[in-house]
Every structure is written in structure tokens, then in C-alpha cells.
Amino acid sequence: MRFMVLVPGSPESEAGEMPSTEILEEMTKYNEELVKAGVMLAGEGLHPTSRGAKVRFDGGERTVIDGPFTEAKEIVAGYWVWECSSREEAIEWLKRAPFGGGVEIELRQIFENEDFGEQLTPELREANERLREQTARN
């Protein structure tokens, strides 16, 4: 099972403030544990929303909205993609993350092809597998 872990933004991350060396050391140590255990597939921090954009889709119309976006507590400042045997295992890993101060980290399971049932035809399943393999090679 794959999971996405969403790290919320803060006023500091939205202001573009870099974390301290101490925080970076703690996070690097934690990431090393995740990698050694074969859990971490990807993980990165994100630039502030002031450097981002959104595209609104309304019928055939596309509108670009430049950042910054909503309140810092409603944005994502970083993420991980993990592979775990269960939701419980993912939660146990997340409980070990080096966060404090009342921050809430969101854990969401990623859909796998089998989750879509018969709506994902054999042709669509094959196309999606091919795309996943190609993405992994890139």
C-alpha cells in the first residue's frame, strides 16, 4: 500500500524561511530511517505558494491564479510518498516524525489500479502500468 503524507505549511514556510540546521538534521535522520526500512519512495519540501500558481477549470476556460494562496494552515509545504504494508504501519512511522508544536500531518492512501474495479478496463490498466513504468525510468 502506498501512502501520501502531507506536511502543512506555516507562516514561516510561507515567508520562505528555511528551517534551522538542527531541524534539517532531525529530518535527514528520520528520512534515512524511512529509506533504510524501504518505506520512503519520495519526499520533498515545497517552495512557498507565493512562487506557485493554480489553474481554475471552468468548462473550456482556463484561468491562471498566481500565489500566494490561502492561510498557511490550509496549504501543503512538503510531502512524502511511502510504501507500507498497512495503514497502521504508516501511522506508526508517522508518529515517529520529528514534529512538535501541535502540527497535524495528514496521511492518505494512494489509489492502486485494483481499487478502481471493473471501471478500469484491461486496456486502461495496461496503459496505466506502462505509464507508471515509464515514469519510474525517468
N, C-alpha and C. Protein backbone atom coordinates (compact mmCIF):
# COMPACT_ATOMS: atom_id res chain seq x y z
N MET A 1 0.84 -1.17 0.00
CA MET A 1 0.00 0.00 0.00
C MET A 1 0.89 1.24 0.00
N ARG A 2 0.51 2.18 -0.85
CA ARG A 2 1.25 3.44 -0.86
C ARG A 2 0.42 4.51 -0.17
N PHE A 3 1.14 5.41 0.48
CA PHE A 3 0.50 6.50 1.22
C PHE A 3 1.19 7.81 0.87
N MET A 4 0.39 8.89 0.83
CA MET A 4 0.94 10.22 0.72
C MET A 4 0.80 10.87 2.08
N VAL A 5 1.89 11.46 2.53
CA VAL A 5 1.91 12.17 3.80
C VAL A 5 2.07 13.64 3.47
N LEU A 6 1.10 14.45 3.90
CA LEU A 6 1.08 15.88 3.56
C LEU A 6 1.47 16.70 4.78
N VAL A 7 2.52 17.48 4.62
CA VAL A 7 3.02 18.34 5.69
C VAL A 7 2.46 19.74 5.47
N PRO A 8 1.73 20.27 6.46
CA PRO A 8 1.12 21.59 6.26
C PRO A 8 2.13 22.72 6.30
N GLY A 9 1.75 23.80 5.67
CA GLY A 9 2.56 25.00 5.71
C GLY A 9 2.42 25.71 7.04
N SER A 10 3.25 26.70 7.21
CA SER A 10 3.23 27.54 8.42
C SER A 10 3.49 28.96 7.97
N PRO A 11 3.27 29.92 8.84
CA PRO A 11 3.62 31.29 8.46
C PRO A 11 5.10 31.40 8.07
N GLU A 12 5.96 30.63 8.74
CA GLU A 12 7.39 30.67 8.44
C GLU A 12 7.70 30.08 7.05
N SER A 13 7.08 28.93 6.75
CA SER A 13 7.34 28.33 5.43
C SER A 13 6.78 29.20 4.32
N GLU A 14 5.64 29.84 4.56
CA GLU A 14 5.06 30.73 3.55
C GLU A 14 5.88 31.99 3.38
N ALA A 15 6.63 32.38 4.41
CA ALA A 15 7.51 33.55 4.30
C ALA A 15 8.83 33.18 3.63
N GLY A 16 9.01 31.89 3.32
CA GLY A 16 10.24 31.45 2.67
C GLY A 16 11.39 31.23 3.63
N GLU A 17 11.11 31.20 4.94
CA GLU A 17 12.16 30.98 5.93
C GLU A 17 12.62 29.53 5.87
N MET A 18 13.92 29.33 5.84
CA MET A 18 14.48 27.99 5.82
C MET A 18 14.53 27.43 7.24
N PRO A 19 14.33 26.12 7.38
CA PRO A 19 14.43 25.52 8.71
C PRO A 19 15.86 25.60 9.23
N SER A 20 16.00 25.51 10.55
CA SER A 20 17.32 25.56 11.16
C SER A 20 18.12 24.31 10.80
N THR A 21 19.42 24.38 10.98
CA THR A 21 20.28 23.22 10.76
C THR A 21 19.84 22.07 11.65
N GLU A 22 19.46 22.36 12.88
CA GLU A 22 19.01 21.31 13.81
C GLU A 22 17.79 20.58 13.26
N ILE A 23 16.82 21.32 12.78
CA ILE A 23 15.61 20.71 12.22
C ILE A 23 15.97 19.89 10.98
N LEU A 24 16.83 20.42 10.12
CA LEU A 24 17.23 19.69 8.92
C LEU A 24 17.97 18.40 9.29
N GLU A 25 18.79 18.45 10.34
CA GLU A 25 19.49 17.25 10.79
C GLU A 25 18.50 16.19 11.28
N GLU A 26 17.51 16.61 12.09
CA GLU A 26 16.49 15.69 12.59
C GLU A 26 15.70 15.07 11.44
N MET A 27 15.32 15.89 10.46
CA MET A 27 14.53 15.39 9.34
C MET A 27 15.36 14.46 8.47
N THR A 28 16.63 14.78 8.27
CA THR A 28 17.50 13.91 7.48
C THR A 28 17.66 12.55 8.16
N LYS A 29 17.83 12.55 9.46
CA LYS A 29 17.95 11.29 10.21
C LYS A 29 16.68 10.47 10.06
N TYR A 30 15.54 11.11 10.20
CA TYR A 30 14.25 10.42 10.05
C TYR A 30 14.10 9.87 8.63
N ASN A 31 14.43 10.68 7.62
CA ASN A 31 14.34 10.23 6.23
C ASN A 31 15.27 9.04 5.99
N GLU A 32 16.45 9.05 6.59
CA GLU A 32 17.38 7.93 6.45
C GLU A 32 16.76 6.65 7.01
N GLU A 33 16.06 6.75 8.15
CA GLU A 33 15.39 5.59 8.72
C GLU A 33 14.31 5.07 7.77
N LEU A 34 13.54 5.99 7.18
CA LEU A 34 12.50 5.60 6.24
C LEU A 34 13.08 4.89 5.02
N VAL A 35 14.18 5.43 4.50
CA VAL A 35 14.82 4.84 3.31
C VAL A 35 15.39 3.47 3.65
N LYS A 36 16.10 3.35 4.76
CA LYS A 36 16.69 2.06 5.16
C LYS A 36 15.62 0.99 5.36
N ALA A 37 14.45 1.39 5.83
CA ALA A 37 13.36 0.44 6.04
C ALA A 37 12.59 0.14 4.76
N GLY A 38 12.93 0.83 3.66
CA GLY A 38 12.23 0.62 2.39
C GLY A 38 10.86 1.24 2.34
N VAL A 39 10.59 2.21 3.22
CA VAL A 39 9.29 2.85 3.30
C VAL A 39 9.19 4.05 2.36
N MET A 40 10.23 4.88 2.34
CA MET A 40 10.17 6.15 1.60
C MET A 40 10.42 5.94 0.11
N LEU A 41 9.43 6.34 -0.69
CA LEU A 41 9.57 6.31 -2.15
C LEU A 41 9.93 7.68 -2.70
N ALA A 42 9.46 8.73 -2.02
CA ALA A 42 9.76 10.10 -2.44
C ALA A 42 9.45 11.02 -1.27
N GLY A 43 10.00 12.20 -1.31
CA GLY A 43 9.71 13.19 -0.28
C GLY A 43 10.47 14.46 -0.56
N GLU A 44 9.77 15.56 -0.48
CA GLU A 44 10.39 16.87 -0.77
C GLU A 44 9.64 17.96 -0.02
N GLY A 45 10.33 19.06 0.19
CA GLY A 45 9.70 20.27 0.67
C GLY A 45 9.28 21.11 -0.54
N LEU A 46 8.32 21.96 -0.33
CA LEU A 46 7.81 22.79 -1.43
C LEU A 46 8.09 24.26 -1.15
N HIS A 47 8.35 25.01 -2.22
CA HIS A 47 8.52 26.45 -2.10
C HIS A 47 7.20 27.08 -1.65
N PRO A 48 7.24 28.29 -1.13
CA PRO A 48 6.00 28.96 -0.69
C PRO A 48 5.02 29.14 -1.84
N THR A 49 3.75 29.27 -1.48
CA THR A 49 2.73 29.44 -2.51
C THR A 49 2.90 30.74 -3.29
N SER A 50 3.64 31.69 -2.74
CA SER A 50 3.90 32.94 -3.48
C SER A 50 4.65 32.66 -4.77
N ARG A 51 5.32 31.53 -4.86
CA ARG A 51 6.04 31.15 -6.07
C ARG A 51 5.26 30.15 -6.92
N GLY A 52 4.02 29.87 -6.51
CA GLY A 52 3.21 28.88 -7.19
C GLY A 52 2.10 29.49 -8.03
N ALA A 53 1.31 28.64 -8.60
CA ALA A 53 0.15 29.05 -9.39
C ALA A 53 -0.90 27.96 -9.30
N LYS A 54 -2.14 28.35 -9.53
CA LYS A 54 -3.26 27.42 -9.65
C LYS A 54 -3.88 27.67 -11.02
N VAL A 55 -4.49 26.63 -11.56
CA VAL A 55 -5.26 26.79 -12.79
C VAL A 55 -6.69 26.38 -12.49
N ARG A 56 -7.62 27.30 -12.69
CA ARG A 56 -9.05 27.03 -12.48
C ARG A 56 -9.65 26.55 -13.80
N PHE A 57 -10.37 25.43 -13.74
CA PHE A 57 -11.01 24.84 -14.91
C PHE A 57 -12.51 25.09 -14.82
N ASP A 58 -13.05 25.78 -15.81
CA ASP A 58 -14.48 26.08 -15.86
C ASP A 58 -14.94 25.83 -17.28
N GLY A 59 -15.47 24.63 -17.52
CA GLY A 59 -15.82 24.25 -18.89
C GLY A 59 -14.56 24.24 -19.73
N GLY A 60 -14.57 24.97 -20.83
CA GLY A 60 -13.40 25.06 -21.69
C GLY A 60 -12.44 26.18 -21.31
N GLU A 61 -12.82 26.97 -20.31
CA GLU A 61 -12.00 28.11 -19.91
C GLU A 61 -10.98 27.71 -18.86
N ARG A 62 -9.76 28.26 -18.99
CA ARG A 62 -8.68 28.03 -18.03
C ARG A 62 -8.20 29.37 -17.51
N THR A 63 -8.19 29.54 -16.21
CA THR A 63 -7.75 30.78 -15.60
C THR A 63 -6.57 30.50 -14.69
N VAL A 64 -5.47 31.21 -14.88
CA VAL A 64 -4.29 31.06 -14.04
C VAL A 64 -4.39 32.03 -12.87
N ILE A 65 -4.16 31.49 -11.67
CA ILE A 65 -4.20 32.29 -10.45
C ILE A 65 -2.82 32.19 -9.82
N ASP A 66 -2.14 33.31 -9.74
CA ASP A 66 -0.81 33.33 -9.13
C ASP A 66 -0.94 33.37 -7.61
N GLY A 67 0.04 32.73 -6.93
CA GLY A 67 0.08 32.73 -5.47
C GLY A 67 0.47 34.11 -4.98
N PRO A 68 0.45 34.36 -3.72
CA PRO A 68 0.23 33.39 -2.65
C PRO A 68 -1.24 33.01 -2.52
N PHE A 69 -1.46 31.86 -1.85
CA PHE A 69 -2.80 31.33 -1.68
C PHE A 69 -3.28 31.52 -0.25
N THR A 70 -4.29 30.78 0.11
CA THR A 70 -4.99 30.89 1.39
C THR A 70 -4.08 30.91 2.60
N GLU A 71 -4.68 30.84 3.76
CA GLU A 71 -3.93 30.82 5.00
C GLU A 71 -2.92 29.68 5.01
N ALA A 72 -1.79 29.91 5.65
CA ALA A 72 -0.71 28.92 5.70
C ALA A 72 -1.19 27.58 6.21
N LYS A 73 -2.13 27.56 7.15
CA LYS A 73 -2.57 26.28 7.72
C LYS A 73 -3.34 25.44 6.71
N GLU A 74 -3.73 26.00 5.58
CA GLU A 74 -4.50 25.27 4.59
C GLU A 74 -3.67 24.85 3.38
N ILE A 75 -2.37 25.06 3.43
CA ILE A 75 -1.53 24.71 2.28
C ILE A 75 -0.57 23.60 2.64
N VAL A 76 0.02 23.00 1.61
CA VAL A 76 0.98 21.92 1.79
C VAL A 76 2.38 22.48 1.60
N ALA A 77 3.26 22.22 2.56
CA ALA A 77 4.64 22.72 2.49
C ALA A 77 5.62 21.61 2.14
N GLY A 78 5.17 20.36 2.18
CA GLY A 78 6.04 19.25 1.84
C GLY A 78 5.25 17.97 1.82
N TYR A 79 5.90 16.90 1.35
CA TYR A 79 5.20 15.63 1.24
C TYR A 79 6.20 14.47 1.27
N TRP A 80 5.68 13.31 1.58
CA TRP A 80 6.37 12.04 1.39
C TRP A 80 5.43 11.12 0.64
N VAL A 81 6.00 10.17 -0.08
CA VAL A 81 5.25 9.02 -0.59
C VAL A 81 5.91 7.80 0.03
N TRP A 82 5.11 7.02 0.75
CA TRP A 82 5.61 5.85 1.47
C TRP A 82 4.95 4.59 0.94
N GLU A 83 5.66 3.49 1.08
CA GLU A 83 5.08 2.17 0.83
C GLU A 83 5.13 1.41 2.14
N CYS A 84 3.97 1.03 2.62
CA CYS A 84 3.85 0.31 3.89
C CYS A 84 2.90 -0.87 3.70
N SER A 85 2.98 -1.81 4.59
CA SER A 85 2.13 -2.99 4.47
C SER A 85 0.70 -2.72 4.92
N SER A 86 0.49 -1.64 5.69
CA SER A 86 -0.85 -1.33 6.18
C SER A 86 -0.92 0.14 6.60
N ARG A 87 -2.15 0.57 6.80
CA ARG A 87 -2.39 1.92 7.32
C ARG A 87 -1.77 2.05 8.71
N GLU A 88 -1.89 1.01 9.51
CA GLU A 88 -1.34 1.03 10.86
C GLU A 88 0.17 1.20 10.85
N GLU A 89 0.86 0.52 9.92
CA GLU A 89 2.31 0.68 9.82
C GLU A 89 2.66 2.12 9.44
N ALA A 90 1.92 2.69 8.49
CA ALA A 90 2.17 4.07 8.07
C ALA A 90 1.96 5.02 9.25
N ILE A 91 0.93 4.78 10.03
CA ILE A 91 0.68 5.64 11.20
C ILE A 91 1.82 5.52 12.20
N GLU A 92 2.31 4.32 12.42
CA GLU A 92 3.42 4.14 13.36
C GLU A 92 4.66 4.90 12.87
N TRP A 93 4.94 4.86 11.59
CA TRP A 93 6.07 5.65 11.05
C TRP A 93 5.83 7.14 11.25
N LEU A 94 4.61 7.57 10.96
CA LEU A 94 4.31 9.00 11.07
C LEU A 94 4.43 9.48 12.52
N LYS A 95 4.06 8.66 13.47
CA LYS A 95 4.16 9.04 14.88
C LYS A 95 5.61 9.28 15.30
N ARG A 96 6.57 8.76 14.55
CA ARG A 96 7.98 8.94 14.86
C ARG A 96 8.58 10.18 14.20
N ALA A 97 7.81 10.87 13.37
CA ALA A 97 8.31 12.05 12.64
C ALA A 97 8.70 13.16 13.62
N PRO A 98 9.75 13.90 13.28
CA PRO A 98 10.24 14.95 14.19
C PRO A 98 9.47 16.27 14.09
N PHE A 99 8.20 16.23 14.51
CA PHE A 99 7.38 17.43 14.52
C PHE A 99 6.93 17.71 15.95
N GLY A 100 6.59 18.95 16.21
CA GLY A 100 6.07 19.35 17.50
C GLY A 100 5.14 20.52 17.32
N GLY A 101 4.81 21.18 18.40
CA GLY A 101 4.03 22.41 18.33
C GLY A 101 2.60 22.25 17.90
N GLY A 102 2.03 21.05 18.03
CA GLY A 102 0.63 20.86 17.68
C GLY A 102 0.35 20.70 16.21
N VAL A 103 1.40 20.57 15.37
CA VAL A 103 1.18 20.41 13.94
C VAL A 103 0.44 19.10 13.67
N GLU A 104 -0.46 19.10 12.69
CA GLU A 104 -1.19 17.91 12.29
C GLU A 104 -0.74 17.52 10.89
N ILE A 105 -0.26 16.29 10.75
CA ILE A 105 0.22 15.78 9.47
C ILE A 105 -0.84 14.85 8.91
N GLU A 106 -1.18 15.03 7.64
CA GLU A 106 -2.23 14.24 7.01
C GLU A 106 -1.64 13.02 6.30
N LEU A 107 -2.26 11.87 6.49
CA LEU A 107 -1.87 10.62 5.86
C LEU A 107 -3.01 10.15 4.98
N ARG A 108 -2.74 9.92 3.70
CA ARG A 108 -3.78 9.49 2.76
C ARG A 108 -3.29 8.32 1.94
N GLN A 109 -4.09 7.27 1.83
CA GLN A 109 -3.72 6.14 0.99
C GLN A 109 -3.87 6.51 -0.47
N ILE A 110 -2.92 6.06 -1.28
CA ILE A 110 -2.93 6.31 -2.72
C ILE A 110 -3.70 5.18 -3.41
N PHE A 111 -4.55 5.52 -4.34
CA PHE A 111 -5.29 4.51 -5.09
C PHE A 111 -4.32 3.65 -5.89
N GLU A 112 -4.60 2.35 -5.92
CA GLU A 112 -3.90 1.40 -6.77
C GLU A 112 -4.88 0.98 -7.87
N ASN A 113 -4.37 0.44 -8.96
CA ASN A 113 -5.24 0.04 -10.06
C ASN A 113 -6.40 -0.84 -9.61
N GLU A 114 -6.12 -1.81 -8.72
CA GLU A 114 -7.17 -2.73 -8.29
C GLU A 114 -8.29 -2.04 -7.52
N ASP A 115 -8.05 -0.86 -6.98
CA ASP A 115 -9.09 -0.12 -6.26
C ASP A 115 -10.21 0.36 -7.18
N PHE A 116 -9.94 0.47 -8.48
CA PHE A 116 -10.91 1.02 -9.42
C PHE A 116 -11.89 -0.01 -9.95
N GLY A 117 -11.66 -1.29 -9.64
CA GLY A 117 -12.59 -2.33 -10.07
C GLY A 117 -12.71 -2.42 -11.57
N GLU A 118 -13.90 -2.82 -12.02
CA GLU A 118 -14.11 -3.07 -13.46
C GLU A 118 -14.16 -1.79 -14.29
N GLN A 119 -14.29 -0.62 -13.63
CA GLN A 119 -14.27 0.64 -14.39
C GLN A 119 -12.93 0.82 -15.09
N LEU A 120 -11.87 0.26 -14.50
CA LEU A 120 -10.54 0.33 -15.12
C LEU A 120 -10.40 -0.90 -16.00
N THR A 121 -10.74 -0.73 -17.27
CA THR A 121 -10.73 -1.85 -18.22
C THR A 121 -9.31 -2.42 -18.36
N PRO A 122 -9.19 -3.63 -18.91
CA PRO A 122 -7.84 -4.19 -19.13
C PRO A 122 -6.96 -3.26 -19.97
N GLU A 123 -7.53 -2.57 -20.94
CA GLU A 123 -6.76 -1.64 -21.77
C GLU A 123 -6.26 -0.45 -20.95
N LEU A 124 -7.15 0.11 -20.13
CA LEU A 124 -6.75 1.23 -19.27
C LEU A 124 -5.73 0.78 -18.22
N ARG A 125 -5.91 -0.42 -17.68
CA ARG A 125 -4.98 -0.96 -16.69
C ARG A 125 -3.58 -1.09 -17.31
N GLU A 126 -3.53 -1.65 -18.53
CA GLU A 126 -2.25 -1.80 -19.23
C GLU A 126 -1.62 -0.44 -19.51
N ALA A 127 -2.40 0.51 -19.97
CA ALA A 127 -1.88 1.85 -20.25
C ALA A 127 -1.33 2.50 -18.98
N ASN A 128 -2.05 2.36 -17.87
CA ASN A 128 -1.59 2.95 -16.61
C ASN A 128 -0.32 2.28 -16.10
N GLU A 129 -0.22 0.97 -16.24
CA GLU A 129 1.01 0.27 -15.83
C GLU A 129 2.19 0.73 -16.68
N ARG A 130 1.95 0.88 -17.97
CA ARG A 130 3.01 1.35 -18.89
C ARG A 130 3.47 2.75 -18.49
N LEU A 131 2.53 3.62 -18.17
CA LEU A 131 2.89 4.97 -17.75
C LEU A 131 3.68 4.96 -16.44
N ARG A 132 3.27 4.11 -15.50
CA ARG A 132 3.99 4.01 -14.22
C ARG A 132 5.42 3.53 -14.44
N GLU A 133 5.59 2.53 -15.29
CA GLU A 133 6.94 2.03 -15.59
C GLU A 133 7.79 3.10 -16.26
N GLN A 134 7.21 3.81 -17.20
CA GLN A 134 7.94 4.88 -17.89
C GLN A 134 8.32 5.99 -16.91
N THR A 135 7.42 6.34 -16.02
CA THR A 135 7.72 7.36 -15.02
C THR A 135 8.85 6.92 -14.13
N ALA A 136 8.86 5.66 -13.72
CA ALA A 136 9.92 5.13 -12.85
C ALA A 136 11.28 5.19 -13.56
N ARG A 137 11.30 4.98 -14.86
CA ARG A 137 12.56 5.04 -15.62
C ARG A 137 13.07 6.48 -15.74
N ASN A 138 12.15 7.43 -15.77
CA ASN A 138 12.54 8.83 -15.90
C ASN A 138 13.15 9.31 -14.61
